[in-house]
Amino acid sequence: MLTEKLLDLKKDLLEYAALVETMVADCLQGLLQKDADRLQNILTQAEPQANCKEIEIDRKSTSLLAQYQPQAKDLRAILMMLGMNRDLERMGDHAVNIAQSALYLIEHPPVQPLFELPRLSAIVSGMLRDSINAFMQENSALAKLVCERDDEVDALRDQILRELIAYMSADTSTIERALHIIRMSGNMERIADLATNIGEEVVFITEGRVLKHHQGEK
């Protein structure tokens, strides 16, 4: 019975992750295509759905802990899913922040180019997808690749920041728009950190090794 309920919980978590992944991808597509409806959908439809899924997964996980008092691998799996649930909720919040900035940007003259934002978004979306797949497959090798890509994300975020500082200095009329791009890149970097959290947990669960890629909060 517990095995079946754990599979059901994993299914819920996978659906939640797919929703968050779509939210993240739609942010950039909404910006590039100037699609206000897609961006508004993140705020009015996707976020409430994500909140409901987070609450339901938390309820089911807590119920399993109380009802079955699992031990060993089952206990670790439930605790990890609780942590992933929290990470996905925070990713959804960051996606909302990105969508809000994208809505501002499509209503104003474009800041060209968007620097490395599309590339950053693609890497972050891939990290999120791979971190969930690593958990579902108990694939520590894939999880390690997720963790390794976090350094690339940090470098891209820093590059965007440097280039936009120079851009704002050359044309002060772009400051507010540039700050929104910086906000978007910062939120994408935070999503990458959270995907890295999941990757590190997968390595710990499968290999018993602790990976520490960041000293600060994730």
Protein backbone atom coordinates (compact mmCIF):
# COMPACT_ATOMS: atom_id res chain seq x y z
CA MET A 1 0.00 0.00 0.00
CA LEU A 2 2.79 2.44 0.89
CA THR A 3 4.59 1.63 -2.36
CA GLU A 4 1.48 2.53 -4.35
CA LYS A 5 1.01 5.77 -2.45
CA LEU A 6 4.64 6.72 -3.01
CA LEU A 7 4.21 6.16 -6.75
CA ASP A 8 1.10 8.35 -6.65
CA LEU A 9 3.04 11.05 -4.81
CA LYS A 10 5.83 10.89 -7.38
CA LYS A 11 3.24 11.29 -10.14
CA ASP A 12 1.85 14.40 -8.44
CA LEU A 13 5.36 15.80 -8.07
CA LEU A 14 6.15 15.15 -11.72
CA GLU A 15 2.97 16.99 -12.79
CA TYR A 16 3.88 19.88 -10.52
CA ALA A 17 7.38 20.04 -11.96
CA ALA A 18 5.99 20.01 -15.51
CA LEU A 19 3.73 22.95 -14.64
CA VAL A 20 6.62 24.95 -13.18
CA GLU A 21 8.82 24.11 -16.16
CA THR A 22 6.10 25.43 -18.48
CA MET A 23 5.82 28.60 -16.41
CA VAL A 24 9.57 29.21 -16.71
CA ALA A 25 9.64 28.56 -20.47
CA ASP A 26 6.55 30.71 -21.10
CA CYS A 27 8.21 33.68 -19.43
CA LEU A 28 10.85 34.03 -22.13
CA GLN A 29 8.53 33.04 -24.97
CA GLY A 30 6.04 35.65 -23.81
CA LEU A 31 8.79 38.25 -23.84
CA LEU A 32 10.23 37.30 -27.23
CA GLN A 33 6.81 37.06 -28.87
CA LYS A 34 5.37 40.05 -26.99
CA ASP A 35 2.56 37.76 -25.88
CA ALA A 36 0.88 39.50 -22.95
CA ASP A 37 -1.81 36.81 -22.71
CA ARG A 38 0.78 34.09 -22.17
CA LEU A 39 2.48 36.13 -19.49
CA GLN A 40 -0.77 37.02 -17.78
CA ASN A 41 -1.72 33.35 -17.79
CA ILE A 42 1.32 32.65 -15.62
CA LEU A 43 0.01 35.10 -13.04
CA THR A 44 -3.69 34.32 -13.15
CA GLN A 45 -3.86 30.62 -14.05
CA ALA A 46 -0.54 28.80 -13.62
CA GLU A 47 0.45 30.27 -10.25
CA PRO A 48 -2.86 29.40 -8.52
CA GLN A 49 -2.61 25.88 -9.98
CA ALA A 50 0.95 25.59 -8.70
CA ASN A 51 -0.10 26.73 -5.24
CA CYS A 52 -2.85 24.10 -5.12
CA LYS A 53 -0.43 21.37 -6.18
CA GLU A 54 2.10 22.43 -3.55
CA ILE A 55 -0.53 22.26 -0.80
CA GLU A 56 -1.82 18.87 -1.98
CA ILE A 57 1.65 17.30 -2.17
CA ASP A 58 2.50 18.64 1.27
CA ARG A 59 -0.74 17.19 2.64
CA LYS A 60 -0.16 13.78 1.08
CA SER A 61 3.46 13.63 2.23
CA THR A 62 2.60 14.57 5.79
CA SER A 63 -0.22 12.01 5.81
CA LEU A 64 2.14 9.23 4.67
CA LEU A 65 4.62 10.10 7.42
CA ALA A 66 1.91 10.02 10.06
CA GLN A 67 0.03 6.97 8.80
CA TYR A 68 2.88 4.60 7.89
CA GLN A 69 5.84 5.91 9.91
CA PRO A 70 8.18 4.86 7.07
CA GLN A 71 11.82 4.07 7.62
CA ALA A 72 15.05 3.86 5.65
CA LYS A 73 14.65 4.45 1.88
CA ASP A 74 10.92 5.19 2.01
CA LEU A 75 11.42 7.81 4.71
CA ARG A 76 14.25 9.46 2.77
CA ALA A 77 12.14 9.48 -0.40
CA ILE A 78 9.21 11.22 1.31
CA LEU A 79 11.45 13.77 3.00
CA MET A 80 13.15 14.49 -0.30
CA MET A 81 9.80 14.96 -2.05
CA LEU A 82 8.78 17.40 0.66
CA GLY A 83 11.97 19.34 -0.02
CA MET A 84 11.42 19.23 -3.78
CA ASN A 85 7.86 20.42 -3.26
CA ARG A 86 9.18 23.43 -1.40
CA ASP A 87 11.81 24.08 -4.09
CA LEU A 88 9.21 23.90 -6.86
CA GLU A 89 6.99 26.35 -5.01
CA ARG A 90 9.86 28.81 -4.82
CA MET A 91 10.65 28.27 -8.51
CA GLY A 92 7.06 29.14 -9.31
CA ASP A 93 7.42 32.36 -7.32
CA HIS A 94 10.54 33.26 -9.31
CA ALA A 95 8.70 32.53 -12.57
CA VAL A 96 6.00 34.99 -11.49
CA ASN A 97 8.68 37.63 -10.88
CA ILE A 98 10.12 36.99 -14.35
CA ALA A 99 6.67 37.21 -15.96
CA GLN A 100 5.97 40.53 -14.24
CA SER A 101 9.20 42.01 -15.58
CA ALA A 102 8.49 40.59 -19.04
CA LEU A 103 5.07 42.26 -19.03
CA TYR A 104 6.74 45.59 -18.28
CA LEU A 105 9.31 45.11 -21.03
CA ILE A 106 6.82 44.27 -23.81
CA GLU A 107 4.91 47.46 -23.03
CA HIS A 108 7.99 49.66 -23.56
CA PRO A 109 10.50 50.21 -26.36
CA PRO A 110 12.79 47.17 -26.61
CA VAL A 111 16.24 47.08 -25.13
CA GLN A 112 18.30 45.46 -27.83
CA PRO A 113 19.79 43.02 -27.71
CA LEU A 114 18.50 40.87 -24.84
CA PHE A 115 22.11 39.89 -24.26
CA GLU A 116 22.40 36.29 -23.04
CA LEU A 117 18.91 36.06 -21.53
CA PRO A 118 17.53 33.48 -24.03
CA ARG A 119 20.57 31.26 -23.54
CA LEU A 120 20.30 31.60 -19.76
CA SER A 121 16.63 30.67 -19.86
CA ALA A 122 17.32 27.57 -21.99
CA ILE A 123 20.00 26.32 -19.60
CA VAL A 124 17.84 26.91 -16.53
CA SER A 125 14.85 25.12 -18.08
CA GLY A 126 17.10 22.19 -18.94
CA MET A 127 18.46 22.04 -15.40
CA LEU A 128 14.97 21.96 -13.95
CA ARG A 129 13.86 19.20 -16.32
CA ASP A 130 17.01 17.12 -15.74
CA SER A 131 16.89 17.48 -11.96
CA ILE A 132 13.38 16.01 -11.90
CA ASN A 133 14.33 13.24 -14.32
CA ALA A 134 17.36 12.45 -12.17
CA PHE A 135 15.10 12.03 -9.16
CA MET A 136 12.53 9.91 -10.97
CA GLN A 137 15.24 7.66 -12.44
CA GLU A 138 17.50 7.76 -9.34
CA ASN A 139 20.22 8.83 -11.79
CA SER A 140 23.13 10.35 -9.88
CA ALA A 141 25.18 10.94 -13.05
CA LEU A 142 22.45 13.17 -14.50
CA ALA A 143 22.07 14.91 -11.14
CA LYS A 144 25.79 15.74 -11.12
CA LEU A 145 25.51 17.28 -14.58
CA VAL A 146 22.75 19.55 -13.26
CA CYS A 147 25.02 20.69 -10.44
CA GLU A 148 27.91 21.34 -12.83
CA ARG A 149 25.79 23.59 -15.05
CA ASP A 150 25.05 25.91 -12.14
CA ASP A 151 28.47 27.51 -12.57
CA GLU A 152 27.62 28.31 -16.20
CA VAL A 153 24.39 29.96 -15.09
CA ASP A 154 26.24 32.09 -12.53
CA ALA A 155 28.73 33.19 -15.18
CA LEU A 156 25.97 34.16 -17.62
CA ARG A 157 24.09 36.12 -14.96
CA ASP A 158 27.27 38.02 -14.10
CA GLN A 159 27.95 38.68 -17.78
CA ILE A 160 24.42 40.06 -18.27
CA LEU A 161 24.87 42.31 -15.25
CA ARG A 162 28.20 43.69 -16.48
CA GLU A 163 26.90 44.35 -19.98
CA LEU A 164 23.75 46.04 -18.76
CA ILE A 165 25.66 48.28 -16.37
CA ALA A 166 27.71 49.48 -19.35
CA TYR A 167 24.52 49.82 -21.41
CA MET A 168 22.80 51.94 -18.74
CA SER A 169 25.88 54.11 -18.36
CA ALA A 170 25.89 54.84 -22.09
CA ASP A 171 22.14 55.57 -22.24
CA THR A 172 20.46 56.47 -18.97
CA SER A 173 17.01 56.34 -20.58
CA THR A 174 17.32 52.53 -20.61
CA ILE A 175 17.89 52.17 -16.86
CA GLU A 176 14.43 51.00 -15.82
CA ARG A 177 14.13 48.54 -18.69
CA ALA A 178 17.63 47.23 -18.09
CA LEU A 179 16.88 46.73 -14.40
CA HIS A 180 13.97 44.49 -15.34
CA ILE A 181 16.28 42.36 -17.48
CA ILE A 182 18.68 42.15 -14.54
CA ARG A 183 15.75 41.12 -12.33
CA MET A 184 14.81 38.41 -14.82
CA SER A 185 18.33 37.02 -14.97
CA GLY A 186 18.59 37.05 -11.17
CA ASN A 187 15.37 35.09 -10.81
CA MET A 188 16.51 32.60 -13.43
CA GLU A 189 19.73 32.12 -11.51
CA ARG A 190 17.73 31.41 -8.34
CA ILE A 191 15.71 28.75 -10.21
CA ALA A 192 18.99 27.16 -11.25
CA ASP A 193 20.12 27.14 -7.61
CA LEU A 194 16.93 25.34 -6.61
CA ALA A 195 17.36 22.79 -9.41
CA THR A 196 20.89 22.27 -8.11
CA ASN A 197 19.45 21.64 -4.64
CA ILE A 198 17.41 18.80 -6.11
CA GLY A 199 20.44 17.42 -7.96
CA GLU A 200 22.49 17.42 -4.78
CA GLU A 201 19.73 15.61 -2.91
CA VAL A 202 19.56 12.96 -5.62
CA VAL A 203 23.30 12.35 -5.29
CA PHE A 204 22.95 12.11 -1.52
CA ILE A 205 20.03 9.68 -1.74
CA THR A 206 21.66 7.45 -4.37
CA GLU A 207 25.31 7.60 -3.33
CA GLY A 208 25.31 8.88 0.25
CA ARG A 209 27.64 11.72 -0.80
CA VAL A 210 27.12 15.37 0.07
CA LEU A 211 27.80 17.88 -2.71
CA LYS A 212 28.32 21.47 -1.65
CA HIS A 213 28.34 23.84 -4.57
CA HIS A 214 27.16 26.97 -2.76
CA GLN A 215 27.95 28.47 0.56
CA GLY A 216 24.99 30.86 0.55
CA GLU A 217 21.29 30.26 0.73
CA LYS A 218 19.63 28.27 -2.03
